[in-house]
Amino acid sequence: MKPFPLAKSIRRQGISVRAVFVAIATLGACVPGGLLLGAGEFDASPAAPEVRVIAGAASAAIEQELRSADRALLQVIAANDRVASARLLDPEFAWIDRDGRGRNKSELVSRMILLAAGPDANVSLKRFGRVALITGTHRLTPDNVPAFFARLWVRQPSGWRLLLYHETAPPDAVVKDTRFATPAQLPARCDNPCRSLPYKPLTPEAQEIVASFMAGEKAVFDGDAQTANRILGDDVVFVTSAGAEPMGKSQRIATLRALRQAGQMLPPAVDSMALWVYGNAAVMSADQESPAGEMLRTTRIWAKRDAQWQLTFSQQTLVQ
């Protein structure tokens, strides 16, 4: 799993991630968007509410396995059950909390109560072969803050195991910093993550996914809506710390076009990365740093469709 090396950011002169989020939220109110930021490789050989299956329907038996595993997870969290949590969590499991802090399985197996939250709402389920994504909203304890969550499951020979649990809460709406609205001079080209990464994919599948990722990041820098349209799945969802609702493909493309008119944007550089490939689906996790020194953590899901790896989900949390 990724090493979770990031500390609280030290802001420097430049465009901040938060400024980008504010710009996107503003644009999203005017056009039918989200920001594709950037994303490693490990090849992978109380009761839950009713979920709504919106893509990738599988056999009833497999679907029931997944629903049962997710219900069991919530029960394990409520009971702080160490034995049961060890069975449900993948060896590479990580939790990314609302502040962008990362904890691995060994840190959580006896402290599952840390994941406690209010009842899940607006729950949806997507399946991509051996990868399943359950998303929704709930309120975090103890301060009742609303958050968007993503529970990412993978089907192992022993059954469904939770690989990532990612939460994103909106920033304090009353906190304002005019410095975030001041753009800085951007470089003429984008190297990391558009042309190079501190990560070397070792398999052909991983190489293809990383190539698609880098092409998508370059599309952000160039404002290239045509390339973005090819790389983004029609069902893609973007979640950011901007506080806006999750965004889809059409809004994303519209945002890219608007940003192109306003000038280039430099995607956050990748500091570390992890990638798990499960046949025609893959999970990507990354730590990134903006030109202003702000840090964020990202989870992405990729699906191979018609020989093209497409981004189908992206969630970012700003490290506080």
C-alpha atoms as a PDB file:
ATOM      1  CA  MET A   1       0.000   0.000   0.000  1.00  0.00           C
ATOM      2  CA  LYS A   2       1.102   3.587  -0.354  1.00  0.00           C
ATOM      3  CA  PRO A   3       3.312   4.841   2.493  1.00  0.00           C
ATOM      4  CA  PHE A   4       1.175   7.829   3.572  1.00  0.00           C
ATOM      5  CA  PRO A   5       4.189  10.147   3.821  1.00  0.00           C
ATOM      6  CA  LEU A   6       2.380  13.461   3.545  1.00  0.00           C
ATOM      7  CA  ALA A   7       2.342  15.982   6.347  1.00  0.00           C
ATOM      8  CA  LYS A   8       0.330  19.148   6.661  1.00  0.00           C
ATOM      9  CA  SER A   9       1.142  21.352   3.691  1.00  0.00           C
ATOM     10  CA  ILE A  10       3.312  24.446   3.832  1.00  0.00           C
ATOM     11  CA  ARG A  11       1.777  26.811   1.301  1.00  0.00           C
ATOM     12  CA  ARG A  12       4.048  28.586  -1.152  1.00  0.00           C
ATOM     13  CA  GLN A  13       3.373  31.169  -3.840  1.00  0.00           C
ATOM     14  CA  GLY A  14       1.294  29.784  -6.658  1.00  0.00           C
ATOM     15  CA  ILE A  15      -2.112  28.358  -7.464  1.00  0.00           C
ATOM     16  CA  SER A  16      -3.487  26.276  -4.645  1.00  0.00           C
ATOM     17  CA  VAL A  17      -5.566  23.134  -4.931  1.00  0.00           C
ATOM     18  CA  ARG A  18      -8.274  24.938  -2.985  1.00  0.00           C
ATOM     19  CA  ALA A  19      -8.269  27.716  -5.562  1.00  0.00           C
ATOM     20  CA  VAL A  20      -8.749  25.132  -8.264  1.00  0.00           C
ATOM     21  CA  PHE A  21     -11.616  23.573  -6.298  1.00  0.00           C
ATOM     22  CA  VAL A  22     -13.291  26.959  -5.889  1.00  0.00           C
ATOM     23  CA  ALA A  23     -12.893  27.679  -9.596  1.00  0.00           C
ATOM     24  CA  ILE A  24     -14.412  24.356 -10.519  1.00  0.00           C
ATOM     25  CA  ALA A  25     -17.312  24.769  -8.134  1.00  0.00           C
ATOM     26  CA  THR A  26     -17.993  28.206  -9.618  1.00  0.00           C
ATOM     27  CA  LEU A  27     -17.813  26.894 -13.161  1.00  0.00           C
ATOM     28  CA  GLY A  28     -19.988  23.959 -12.228  1.00  0.00           C
ATOM     29  CA  ALA A  29     -22.739  26.327 -11.272  1.00  0.00           C
ATOM     30  CA  CYS A  30     -22.627  27.840 -14.748  1.00  0.00           C
ATOM     31  CA  VAL A  31     -22.062  24.847 -16.991  1.00  0.00           C
ATOM     32  CA  PRO A  32     -23.468  21.312 -17.105  1.00  0.00           C
ATOM     33  CA  GLY A  33     -17.463  19.324 -14.345  1.00  0.00           C
ATOM     34  CA  GLY A  34     -14.885  18.234 -12.004  1.00  0.00           C
ATOM     35  CA  LEU A  35     -11.159  18.341 -12.166  1.00  0.00           C
ATOM     36  CA  LEU A  36      -9.223  15.298 -13.228  1.00  0.00           C
ATOM     37  CA  LEU A  37      -6.180  15.361 -11.017  1.00  0.00           C
ATOM     38  CA  GLY A  38      -3.627  12.632 -11.175  1.00  0.00           C
ATOM     39  CA  ALA A  39      -2.861   9.164  -9.754  1.00  0.00           C
ATOM     40  CA  GLY A  40       1.094   2.628  -8.477  1.00  0.00           C
ATOM     41  CA  GLU A  41       1.239  -1.031  -8.913  1.00  0.00           C
ATOM     42  CA  PHE A  42       0.438  -4.157  -7.003  1.00  0.00           C
ATOM     43  CA  ASP A  43      -0.914  -6.876  -9.280  1.00  0.00           C
ATOM     44  CA  ALA A  44      -3.693  -8.779  -7.614  1.00  0.00           C
ATOM     45  CA  SER A  45      -3.808 -12.363  -8.504  1.00  0.00           C
ATOM     46  CA  PRO A  46     -26.130  -0.743  12.358  1.00  0.00           C
ATOM     47  CA  ALA A  47     -27.500  -2.450   9.058  1.00  0.00           C
ATOM     48  CA  ALA A  48     -26.558  -1.092   5.657  1.00  0.00           C
ATOM     49  CA  PRO A  49     -29.301   0.529   3.564  1.00  0.00           C
ATOM     50  CA  GLU A  50     -30.501  -1.000   0.334  1.00  0.00           C
ATOM     51  CA  VAL A  51     -28.053  -0.249  -2.470  1.00  0.00           C
ATOM     52  CA  ARG A  52     -28.983   0.694  -6.007  1.00  0.00           C
ATOM     53  CA  VAL A  53     -27.021  -1.243  -8.635  1.00  0.00           C
ATOM     54  CA  ILE A  54     -26.322   1.226 -11.427  1.00  0.00           C
ATOM     55  CA  ALA A  55     -23.748  -0.585 -13.560  1.00  0.00           C
ATOM     56  CA  GLY A  56     -21.966  -3.872 -14.092  1.00  0.00           C
ATOM     57  CA  ALA A  57     -24.680  -6.161 -12.758  1.00  0.00           C
ATOM     58  CA  ALA A  58     -23.332  -9.604 -11.844  1.00  0.00           C
ATOM     59  CA  SER A  59     -24.970 -12.864 -10.870  1.00  0.00           C
ATOM     60  CA  ALA A  60     -27.401 -12.691  -7.982  1.00  0.00           C
ATOM     61  CA  ALA A  61     -25.133 -14.869  -5.852  1.00  0.00           C
ATOM     62  CA  ILE A  62     -22.068 -12.658  -6.282  1.00  0.00           C
ATOM     63  CA  GLU A  63     -24.106  -9.518  -5.736  1.00  0.00           C
ATOM     64  CA  GLN A  64     -25.515 -10.966  -2.534  1.00  0.00           C
ATOM     65  CA  GLU A  65     -21.988 -11.804  -1.359  1.00  0.00           C
ATOM     66  CA  LEU A  66     -21.022  -8.177  -1.800  1.00  0.00           C
ATOM     67  CA  ARG A  67     -24.087  -6.799  -0.043  1.00  0.00           C
ATOM     68  CA  SER A  68     -23.521  -9.202   2.838  1.00  0.00           C
ATOM     69  CA  ALA A  69     -19.863  -8.211   3.134  1.00  0.00           C
ATOM     70  CA  ASP A  70     -20.732  -4.503   3.239  1.00  0.00           C
ATOM     71  CA  ARG A  71     -23.424  -5.054   5.876  1.00  0.00           C
ATOM     72  CA  ALA A  72     -20.970  -7.128   7.903  1.00  0.00           C
ATOM     73  CA  LEU A  73     -18.416  -4.321   7.685  1.00  0.00           C
ATOM     74  CA  LEU A  74     -20.794  -1.813   9.276  1.00  0.00           C
ATOM     75  CA  GLN A  75     -21.564  -4.294  12.033  1.00  0.00           C
ATOM     76  CA  VAL A  76     -17.851  -4.893  12.613  1.00  0.00           C
ATOM     77  CA  ILE A  77     -17.251  -1.146  12.894  1.00  0.00           C
ATOM     78  CA  ALA A  78     -20.077  -0.734  15.411  1.00  0.00           C
ATOM     79  CA  ALA A  79     -18.849  -3.700  17.482  1.00  0.00           C
ATOM     80  CA  ASN A  80     -15.146  -2.866  17.070  1.00  0.00           C
ATOM     81  CA  ASP A  81     -14.677  -6.573  16.298  1.00  0.00           C
ATOM     82  CA  ARG A  82     -10.971  -7.270  15.735  1.00  0.00           C
ATOM     83  CA  VAL A  83     -11.358 -10.865  14.567  1.00  0.00           C
ATOM     84  CA  ALA A  84     -14.084 -10.101  12.049  1.00  0.00           C
ATOM     85  CA  SER A  85     -12.321  -7.003  10.738  1.00  0.00           C
ATOM     86  CA  ALA A  86      -9.175  -9.014  10.035  1.00  0.00           C
ATOM     87  CA  ARG A  87     -11.237 -11.283   7.793  1.00  0.00           C
ATOM     88  CA  LEU A  88     -13.006  -8.477   5.915  1.00  0.00           C
ATOM     89  CA  LEU A  89     -10.048  -6.166   5.260  1.00  0.00           C
ATOM     90  CA  ASP A  90      -7.656  -6.812   2.390  1.00  0.00           C
ATOM     91  CA  PRO A  91      -3.963  -7.079   3.413  1.00  0.00           C
ATOM     92  CA  GLU A  92      -3.370  -3.804   1.504  1.00  0.00           C
ATOM     93  CA  PHE A  93      -6.359  -2.052   3.089  1.00  0.00           C
ATOM     94  CA  ALA A  94      -6.168   1.670   3.825  1.00  0.00           C
ATOM     95  CA  TRP A  95      -8.572   4.250   5.212  1.00  0.00           C
ATOM     96  CA  ILE A  96      -8.316   7.872   4.028  1.00  0.00           C
ATOM     97  CA  ASP A  97     -10.217  10.075   6.442  1.00  0.00           C
ATOM     98  CA  ARG A  98     -11.779  13.501   5.920  1.00  0.00           C
ATOM     99  CA  ASP A  99      -8.489  15.240   6.793  1.00  0.00           C
ATOM    100  CA  GLY A 100      -6.538  13.193   4.262  1.00  0.00           C
ATOM    101  CA  ARG A 101      -4.822  11.092   6.916  1.00  0.00           C
ATOM    102  CA  GLY A 102      -4.100   7.506   5.889  1.00  0.00           C
ATOM    103  CA  ARG A 103      -4.188   4.443   8.115  1.00  0.00           C
ATOM    104  CA  ASN A 104      -3.427   0.857   7.118  1.00  0.00           C
ATOM    105  CA  LYS A 105      -4.888  -2.471   8.236  1.00  0.00           C
ATOM    106  CA  SER A 106      -2.515  -3.032  11.149  1.00  0.00           C
ATOM    107  CA  GLU A 107      -3.405   0.395  12.554  1.00  0.00           C
ATOM    108  CA  LEU A 108      -7.155  -0.170  12.308  1.00  0.00           C
ATOM    109  CA  VAL A 109      -7.842  -3.854  12.857  1.00  0.00           C
ATOM    110  CA  SER A 110      -8.310  -3.316  16.602  1.00  0.00           C
ATOM    111  CA  ARG A 111      -9.707   0.213  16.284  1.00  0.00           C
ATOM    112  CA  MET A 112     -12.470  -0.140  13.714  1.00  0.00           C
ATOM    113  CA  ILE A 113     -14.630   2.125  15.832  1.00  0.00           C
ATOM    114  CA  LEU A 114     -12.644   5.021  14.317  1.00  0.00           C
ATOM    115  CA  LEU A 115     -14.614   4.463  11.103  1.00  0.00           C
ATOM    116  CA  ALA A 116     -17.952   4.929  12.863  1.00  0.00           C
ATOM    117  CA  ALA A 117     -20.361   7.331  11.171  1.00  0.00           C
ATOM    118  CA  GLY A 118     -24.054   8.039  10.894  1.00  0.00           C
ATOM    119  CA  PRO A 119     -26.346   5.920   8.697  1.00  0.00           C
ATOM    120  CA  ASP A 120     -25.424   5.662   5.015  1.00  0.00           C
ATOM    121  CA  ALA A 121     -27.651   7.511   2.541  1.00  0.00           C
ATOM    122  CA  ASN A 122     -27.805   7.915  -1.244  1.00  0.00           C
ATOM    123  CA  VAL A 123     -26.026   4.588  -1.598  1.00  0.00           C
ATOM    124  CA  SER A 124     -25.038   3.306  -5.046  1.00  0.00           C
ATOM    125  CA  LEU A 125     -23.114   0.280  -6.206  1.00  0.00           C
ATOM    126  CA  LYS A 126     -21.018  -0.204  -9.340  1.00  0.00           C
ATOM    127  CA  ARG A 127     -19.260  -3.378 -10.361  1.00  0.00           C
ATOM    128  CA  PHE A 128     -16.286  -3.717 -12.657  1.00  0.00           C
ATOM    129  CA  GLY A 129     -15.565  -7.436 -12.713  1.00  0.00           C
ATOM    130  CA  ARG A 130     -13.691  -8.230  -9.487  1.00  0.00           C
ATOM    131  CA  VAL A 131     -13.804  -4.602  -8.355  1.00  0.00           C
ATOM    132  CA  ALA A 132     -16.894  -3.112  -6.718  1.00  0.00           C
ATOM    133  CA  LEU A 133     -17.506   0.450  -5.593  1.00  0.00           C
ATOM    134  CA  ILE A 134     -20.084   1.412  -2.985  1.00  0.00           C
ATOM    135  CA  THR A 135     -20.568   5.153  -2.590  1.00  0.00           C
ATOM    136  CA  GLY A 136     -22.907   7.398  -0.647  1.00  0.00           C
ATOM    137  CA  THR A 137     -23.091  10.028   2.044  1.00  0.00           C
ATOM    138  CA  HIS A 138     -23.138   9.953   5.829  1.00  0.00           C
ATOM    139  CA  ARG A 139     -22.406  12.205   8.762  1.00  0.00           C
ATOM    140  CA  LEU A 140     -19.135  11.854  10.608  1.00  0.00           C
ATOM    141  CA  THR A 141     -18.876  11.551  14.342  1.00  0.00           C
ATOM    142  CA  PRO A 142     -18.634  13.231  16.773  1.00  0.00           C
ATOM    143  CA  ASP A 143     -19.292  16.606  15.078  1.00  0.00           C
ATOM    144  CA  ASN A 144     -22.024  15.542  12.616  1.00  0.00           C
ATOM    145  CA  VAL A 145     -20.088  16.773   9.552  1.00  0.00           C
ATOM    146  CA  PRO A 146     -21.496  15.553   6.204  1.00  0.00           C
ATOM    147  CA  ALA A 147     -19.128  13.498   4.047  1.00  0.00           C
ATOM    148  CA  PHE A 148     -19.056  11.572   0.789  1.00  0.00           C
ATOM    149  CA  PHE A 149     -17.687   8.044   1.194  1.00  0.00           C
ATOM    150  CA  ALA A 150     -16.364   5.383  -1.146  1.00  0.00           C
ATOM    151  CA  ARG A 151     -15.875   1.774  -0.054  1.00  0.00           C
ATOM    152  CA  LEU A 152     -13.857  -0.092  -2.648  1.00  0.00           C
ATOM    153  CA  TRP A 153     -14.131  -3.883  -2.545  1.00  0.00           C
ATOM    154  CA  VAL A 154     -12.157  -6.529  -4.464  1.00  0.00           C
ATOM    155  CA  ARG A 155     -13.214 -10.140  -4.912  1.00  0.00           C
ATOM    156  CA  GLN A 156     -10.448 -12.464  -3.776  1.00  0.00           C
ATOM    157  CA  PRO A 157     -10.549 -16.289  -3.790  1.00  0.00           C
ATOM    158  CA  SER A 158     -11.625 -16.093  -0.149  1.00  0.00           C
ATOM    159  CA  GLY A 159     -14.453 -13.650  -0.904  1.00  0.00           C
ATOM    160  CA  TRP A 160     -14.984  -9.880  -0.999  1.00  0.00           C
ATOM    161  CA  ARG A 161     -12.340  -7.858   0.835  1.00  0.00           C
ATOM    162  CA  LEU A 162     -12.305  -4.111   1.480  1.00  0.00           C
ATOM    163  CA  LEU A 163      -9.283  -2.488  -0.190  1.00  0.00           C
ATOM    164  CA  LEU A 164      -9.927   1.223   0.335  1.00  0.00           C
ATOM    165  CA  TYR A 165     -12.299   3.311   2.451  1.00  0.00           C
ATOM    166  CA  HIS A 166     -12.123   6.946   1.344  1.00  0.00           C
ATOM    167  CA  GLU A 167     -14.000   9.879   2.881  1.00  0.00           C
ATOM    168  CA  THR A 168     -14.210  13.485   1.687  1.00  0.00           C
ATOM    169  CA  ALA A 169     -15.862  16.290   3.634  1.00  0.00           C
ATOM    170  CA  PRO A 170     -16.455  19.805   2.289  1.00  0.00           C
ATOM    171  CA  PRO A 171     -14.300  22.627   3.651  1.00  0.00           C
ATOM    172  CA  ASP A 172     -15.702  25.159   6.090  1.00  0.00           C
ATOM    173  CA  ALA A 173     -17.810  27.366   3.857  1.00  0.00           C
ATOM    174  CA  VAL A 174     -17.196  30.460   6.008  1.00  0.00           C
ATOM    175  CA  VAL A 175     -13.396  30.238   5.769  1.00  0.00           C
ATOM    176  CA  LYS A 176     -12.160  32.497   2.996  1.00  0.00           C
ATOM    177  CA  ASP A 177      -8.659  33.345   1.868  1.00  0.00           C
ATOM    178  CA  THR A 178      -8.374  35.808  -1.001  1.00  0.00           C
ATOM    179  CA  ARG A 179      -4.820  34.639  -1.620  1.00  0.00           C
ATOM    180  CA  PHE A 180      -6.261  31.434  -3.074  1.00  0.00           C
ATOM    181  CA  ALA A 181      -7.884  33.435  -5.880  1.00  0.00           C
ATOM    182  CA  THR A 182      -4.614  34.956  -7.085  1.00  0.00           C
ATOM    183  CA  PRO A 183      -3.137  33.017 -10.030  1.00  0.00           C
ATOM    184  CA  ALA A 184       0.603  32.686 -10.503  1.00  0.00           C
ATOM    185  CA  GLN A 185       2.728  32.314 -13.617  1.00  0.00           C
ATOM    186  CA  LEU A 186       2.398  28.785 -14.919  1.00  0.00           C
ATOM    187  CA  PRO A 187       5.240  26.896 -16.623  1.00  0.00           C
ATOM    188  CA  ALA A 188       5.223  26.435 -20.386  1.00  0.00           C
ATOM    189  CA  ARG A 189       5.002  22.663 -20.050  1.00  0.00           C
ATOM    190  CA  CYS A 190       3.860  20.029 -17.593  1.00  0.00           C
ATOM    191  CA  ASP A 191       6.424  17.338 -16.709  1.00  0.00           C
ATOM    192  CA  ASN A 192       5.104  15.451 -13.644  1.00  0.00           C
ATOM    193  CA  PRO A 193       2.403  14.151 -14.082  1.00  0.00           C
ATOM    194  CA  CYS A 194       1.988  14.827 -17.814  1.00  0.00           C
ATOM    195  CA  ARG A 195       5.278  13.362 -19.100  1.00  0.00           C
ATOM    196  CA  SER A 196       6.988  11.635 -16.182  1.00  0.00           C
ATOM    197  CA  LEU A 197       6.109   9.978 -12.869  1.00  0.00           C
ATOM    198  CA  PRO A 198       8.036   8.698  -9.824  1.00  0.00           C
ATOM    199  CA  TYR A 199       6.608   5.270 -10.592  1.00  0.00           C
ATOM    200  CA  LYS A 200       7.483   2.505 -13.023  1.00  0.00           C
ATOM    201  CA  PRO A 201       4.695   0.202 -14.221  1.00  0.00           C
ATOM    202  CA  LEU A 202       5.980  -3.350 -14.550  1.00  0.00           C
ATOM    203  CA  THR A 203       3.252  -5.088 -16.577  1.00  0.00           C
ATOM    204  CA  PRO A 204       1.738  -4.268 -19.983  1.00  0.00           C
ATOM    205  CA  GLU A 205      -1.642  -3.592 -18.367  1.00  0.00           C
ATOM    206  CA  ALA A 206      -0.128  -1.236 -15.808  1.00  0.00           C
ATOM    207  CA  GLN A 207       1.796   0.550 -18.562  1.00  0.00           C
ATOM    208  CA  GLU A 208      -1.420   1.106 -20.505  1.00  0.00           C
ATOM    209  CA  ILE A 209      -3.237   2.462 -17.455  1.00  0.00           C
ATOM    210  CA  VAL A 210      -0.411   4.831 -16.557  1.00  0.00           C
ATOM    211  CA  ALA A 211      -0.278   6.036 -20.172  1.00  0.00           C
ATOM    212  CA  SER A 212      -4.009   6.812 -20.041  1.00  0.00           C
ATOM    213  CA  PHE A 213      -3.563   8.583 -16.709  1.00  0.00           C
ATOM    214  CA  MET A 214      -0.744  10.765 -17.991  1.00  0.00           C
ATOM    215  CA  ALA A 215      -2.666  11.571 -21.162  1.00  0.00           C
ATOM    216  CA  GLY A 216      -5.588  12.651 -19.011  1.00  0.00           C
ATOM    217  CA  GLU A 217      -3.367  14.894 -16.897  1.00  0.00           C
ATOM    218  CA  LYS A 218      -1.911  16.465 -20.030  1.00  0.00           C
ATOM    219  CA  ALA A 219      -5.461  17.053 -21.242  1.00  0.00           C
ATOM    220  CA  VAL A 220      -6.074  19.030 -18.026  1.00  0.00           C
ATOM    221  CA  PHE A 221      -2.984  21.153 -18.672  1.00  0.00           C
ATOM    222  CA  ASP A 222      -3.850  21.682 -22.345  1.00  0.00           C
ATOM    223  CA  GLY A 223      -7.587  22.046 -21.879  1.00  0.00           C
ATOM    224  CA  ASP A 224      -7.932  19.203 -24.392  1.00  0.00           C
ATOM    225  CA  ALA A 225     -11.603  18.195 -24.240  1.00  0.00           C
ATOM    226  CA  GLN A 226     -11.263  15.697 -27.113  1.00  0.00           C
ATOM    227  CA  THR A 227      -8.634  13.601 -25.305  1.00  0.00           C
ATOM    228  CA  ALA A 228     -10.535  13.858 -22.040  1.00  0.00           C
ATOM    229  CA  ASN A 229     -13.677  12.611 -23.773  1.00  0.00           C
ATOM    230  CA  ARG A 230     -11.805   9.494 -24.924  1.00  0.00           C
ATOM    231  CA  ILE A 231     -10.217   8.737 -21.545  1.00  0.00           C
ATOM    232  CA  LEU A 232     -13.233   9.433 -19.346  1.00  0.00           C
ATOM    233  CA  GLY A 233     -15.911   6.775 -19.139  1.00  0.00           C
ATOM    234  CA  ASP A 234     -19.464   7.906 -19.775  1.00  0.00           C
ATOM    235  CA  ASP A 235     -20.278   6.879 -16.195  1.00  0.00           C
ATOM    236  CA  VAL A 236     -17.308   8.649 -14.578  1.00  0.00           C
ATOM    237  CA  VAL A 237     -17.852  10.419 -11.242  1.00  0.00           C
ATOM    238  CA  PHE A 238     -15.555  13.030  -9.688  1.00  0.00           C
ATOM    239  CA  VAL A 239     -15.554  13.845  -5.975  1.00  0.00           C
ATOM    240  CA  THR A 240     -13.407  16.705  -4.640  1.00  0.00           C
ATOM    241  CA  SER A 241     -13.073  18.727  -1.448  1.00  0.00           C
ATOM    242  CA  ALA A 242     -14.814  21.674  -3.115  1.00  0.00           C
ATOM    243  CA  GLY A 243     -18.038  20.965  -1.281  1.00  0.00           C
ATOM    244  CA  ALA A 244     -20.063  20.644  -4.488  1.00  0.00           C
ATOM    245  CA  GLU A 245     -22.017  17.595  -5.540  1.00  0.00           C
ATOM    246  CA  PRO A 246     -20.170  14.767  -7.336  1.00  0.00           C
ATOM    247  CA  MET A 247     -19.612  15.649 -10.976  1.00  0.00           C
ATOM    248  CA  GLY A 248     -20.097  13.645 -14.164  1.00  0.00           C
ATOM    249  CA  LYS A 249     -18.469  13.529 -17.583  1.00  0.00           C
ATOM    250  CA  SER A 250     -20.417  16.271 -19.321  1.00  0.00           C
ATOM    251  CA  GLN A 251     -19.716  18.752 -16.548  1.00  0.00           C
ATOM    252  CA  ARG A 252     -16.072  17.723 -16.532  1.00  0.00           C
ATOM    253  CA  ILE A 253     -15.730  18.365 -20.272  1.00  0.00           C
ATOM    254  CA  ALA A 254     -17.517  21.697 -19.980  1.00  0.00           C
ATOM    255  CA  THR A 255     -15.171  22.703 -17.166  1.00  0.00           C
ATOM    256  CA  LEU A 256     -12.122  21.788 -19.239  1.00  0.00           C
ATOM    257  CA  ARG A 257     -13.334  23.974 -22.078  1.00  0.00           C
ATOM    258  CA  ALA A 258     -13.972  26.873 -19.733  1.00  0.00           C
ATOM    259  CA  LEU A 259     -10.547  26.497 -18.149  1.00  0.00           C
ATOM    260  CA  ARG A 260      -8.989  26.408 -21.604  1.00  0.00           C
ATOM    261  CA  GLN A 261     -10.491  29.802 -22.334  1.00  0.00           C
ATOM    262  CA  ALA A 262      -9.166  31.154 -19.042  1.00  0.00           C
ATOM    263  CA  GLY A 263      -5.645  29.721 -19.517  1.00  0.00           C
ATOM    264  CA  GLN A 264      -3.715  26.571 -18.685  1.00  0.00           C
ATOM    265  CA  MET A 265      -3.879  24.718 -15.393  1.00  0.00           C
ATOM    266  CA  LEU A 266      -1.035  22.697 -13.866  1.00  0.00           C
ATOM    267  CA  PRO A 267      -2.193  19.369 -12.384  1.00  0.00           C
ATOM    268  CA  PRO A 268      -0.742  18.435  -8.992  1.00  0.00           C
ATOM    269  CA  ALA A 269       2.500  16.451  -9.217  1.00  0.00           C
ATOM    270  CA  VAL A 270       2.527  12.812  -8.113  1.00  0.00           C
ATOM    271  CA  ASP A 271       4.626  12.126  -4.996  1.00  0.00           C
ATOM    272  CA  SER A 272       3.796   8.431  -4.634  1.00  0.00           C
ATOM    273  CA  MET A 273       1.525   5.955  -6.345  1.00  0.00           C
ATOM    274  CA  ALA A 274       0.040   2.479  -6.129  1.00  0.00           C
ATOM    275  CA  LEU A 275      -1.839   0.469  -8.750  1.00  0.00           C
ATOM    276  CA  TRP A 276      -3.674  -2.839  -8.462  1.00  0.00           C
ATOM    277  CA  VAL A 277      -4.812  -4.560 -11.671  1.00  0.00           C
ATOM    278  CA  TYR A 278      -7.703  -7.035 -11.533  1.00  0.00           C
ATOM    279  CA  GLY A 279      -8.267  -8.193 -15.106  1.00  0.00           C
ATOM    280  CA  ASN A 280     -10.219  -5.485 -16.916  1.00  0.00           C
ATOM    281  CA  ALA A 281     -10.463  -3.256 -13.849  1.00  0.00           C
ATOM    282  CA  ALA A 282      -7.799  -1.457 -11.835  1.00  0.00           C
ATOM    283  CA  VAL A 283      -7.532   0.611  -8.663  1.00  0.00           C
ATOM    284  CA  MET A 284      -5.139   3.551  -8.461  1.00  0.00           C
ATOM    285  CA  SER A 285      -4.083   5.462  -5.363  1.00  0.00           C
ATOM    286  CA  ALA A 286      -1.835   8.510  -5.274  1.00  0.00           C
ATOM    287  CA  ASP A 287      -0.389  11.207  -3.046  1.00  0.00           C
ATOM    288  CA  GLN A 288      -0.016  14.509  -4.905  1.00  0.00           C
ATOM    289  CA  GLU A 289       1.293  18.021  -4.330  1.00  0.00           C
ATOM    290  CA  SER A 290       0.024  21.216  -5.942  1.00  0.00           C
ATOM    291  CA  PRO A 291       2.294  24.039  -7.142  1.00  0.00           C
ATOM    292  CA  ALA A 292       1.272  25.864  -3.945  1.00  0.00           C
ATOM    293  CA  GLY A 293       2.481  23.012  -1.738  1.00  0.00           C
ATOM    294  CA  GLU A 294      -0.945  21.701  -0.756  1.00  0.00           C
ATOM    295  CA  MET A 295      -1.295  17.934  -0.528  1.00  0.00           C
ATOM    296  CA  LEU A 296      -4.134  15.684  -1.517  1.00  0.00           C
ATOM    297  CA  ARG A 297      -4.876  11.994  -1.674  1.00  0.00           C
ATOM    298  CA  THR A 298      -6.688  10.415  -4.576  1.00  0.00           C
ATOM    299  CA  THR A 299      -8.454   7.142  -5.304  1.00  0.00           C
ATOM    300  CA  ARG A 300      -9.299   6.192  -8.889  1.00  0.00           C
ATOM    301  CA  ILE A 301     -10.915   3.267 -10.646  1.00  0.00           C
ATOM    302  CA  TRP A 302     -10.079   2.361 -14.237  1.00  0.00           C
ATOM    303  CA  ALA A 303     -12.007   0.001 -16.521  1.00  0.00           C
ATOM    304  CA  LYS A 304     -10.867  -1.454 -19.852  1.00  0.00           C
ATOM    305  CA  ARG A 305     -13.530  -0.972 -22.494  1.00  0.00           C
ATOM    306  CA  ASP A 306     -13.043  -1.637 -26.209  1.00  0.00           C
ATOM    307  CA  ALA A 307      -9.247  -1.875 -25.712  1.00  0.00           C
ATOM    308  CA  GLN A 308      -9.157   1.536 -23.968  1.00  0.00           C
ATOM    309  CA  TRP A 309      -8.518   2.075 -20.249  1.00  0.00           C
ATOM    310  CA  GLN A 310     -11.036   4.660 -19.074  1.00  0.00           C
ATOM    311  CA  LEU A 311     -11.333   6.511 -15.808  1.00  0.00           C
ATOM    312  CA  THR A 312     -14.638   5.664 -14.118  1.00  0.00           C
ATOM    313  CA  PHE A 313     -14.203   7.146 -10.634  1.00  0.00           C
ATOM    314  CA  SER A 314     -11.997   9.760  -8.983  1.00  0.00           C
ATOM    315  CA  GLN A 315     -12.123  10.964  -5.380  1.00  0.00           C
ATOM    316  CA  GLN A 316      -9.755  13.496  -3.842  1.00  0.00           C
ATOM    317  CA  THR A 317      -9.313  14.638  -0.240  1.00  0.00           C
ATOM    318  CA  LEU A 318      -7.221  17.650   0.721  1.00  0.00           C
ATOM    319  CA  VAL A 319      -4.661  16.870   3.429  1.00  0.00           C
ATOM    320  CA  GLN A 320      -5.301  19.196   6.366  1.00  0.00           C
END
